[in-house]
Amino acid sequence: MLAGPGLPFALVTMVLTPAVAVLVWRRAYSWYRVLTVAAIGSLVVAWGSGQSPYLLPGRLTIGQAIAPPATQAVLLVIAAVLVAVVVPAMGLLYYLDQRSALESPEA
């Protein structure tokens, strides 16, 4: 991870992590979420590129672990159905929450 294609992402993680800590310590909450997502995403990309082309170092490559085309097609259909169900539901939830329509009536 610290040599090769993962190095830039590891360096970004090493810079952003203390920056996030400083922002939280100073209670400057405007950018800490964005920087946290960037730091964690960069760490995951660094780890993945450091492992490439292996899933299990020295034992299992990505090409050996890939699913058959029929399985991939089924998974794509399932993912499309999930997106079609979850995205509108989350949109409705966000819409109702922004208009305070989810608050329970006072008894």
Foldseek 3Di string as FASTA:
>chain_A
DCDDPLVVLVVLLVVLVVVLVVCVVVVVPPCNVVSVVSNVVSVVVSVVVVQPQAPPPPPHGPVRPDDDPVVVVVVVVVVVVCCVPPVVVVVVVVVCVVVVVPDDDDD
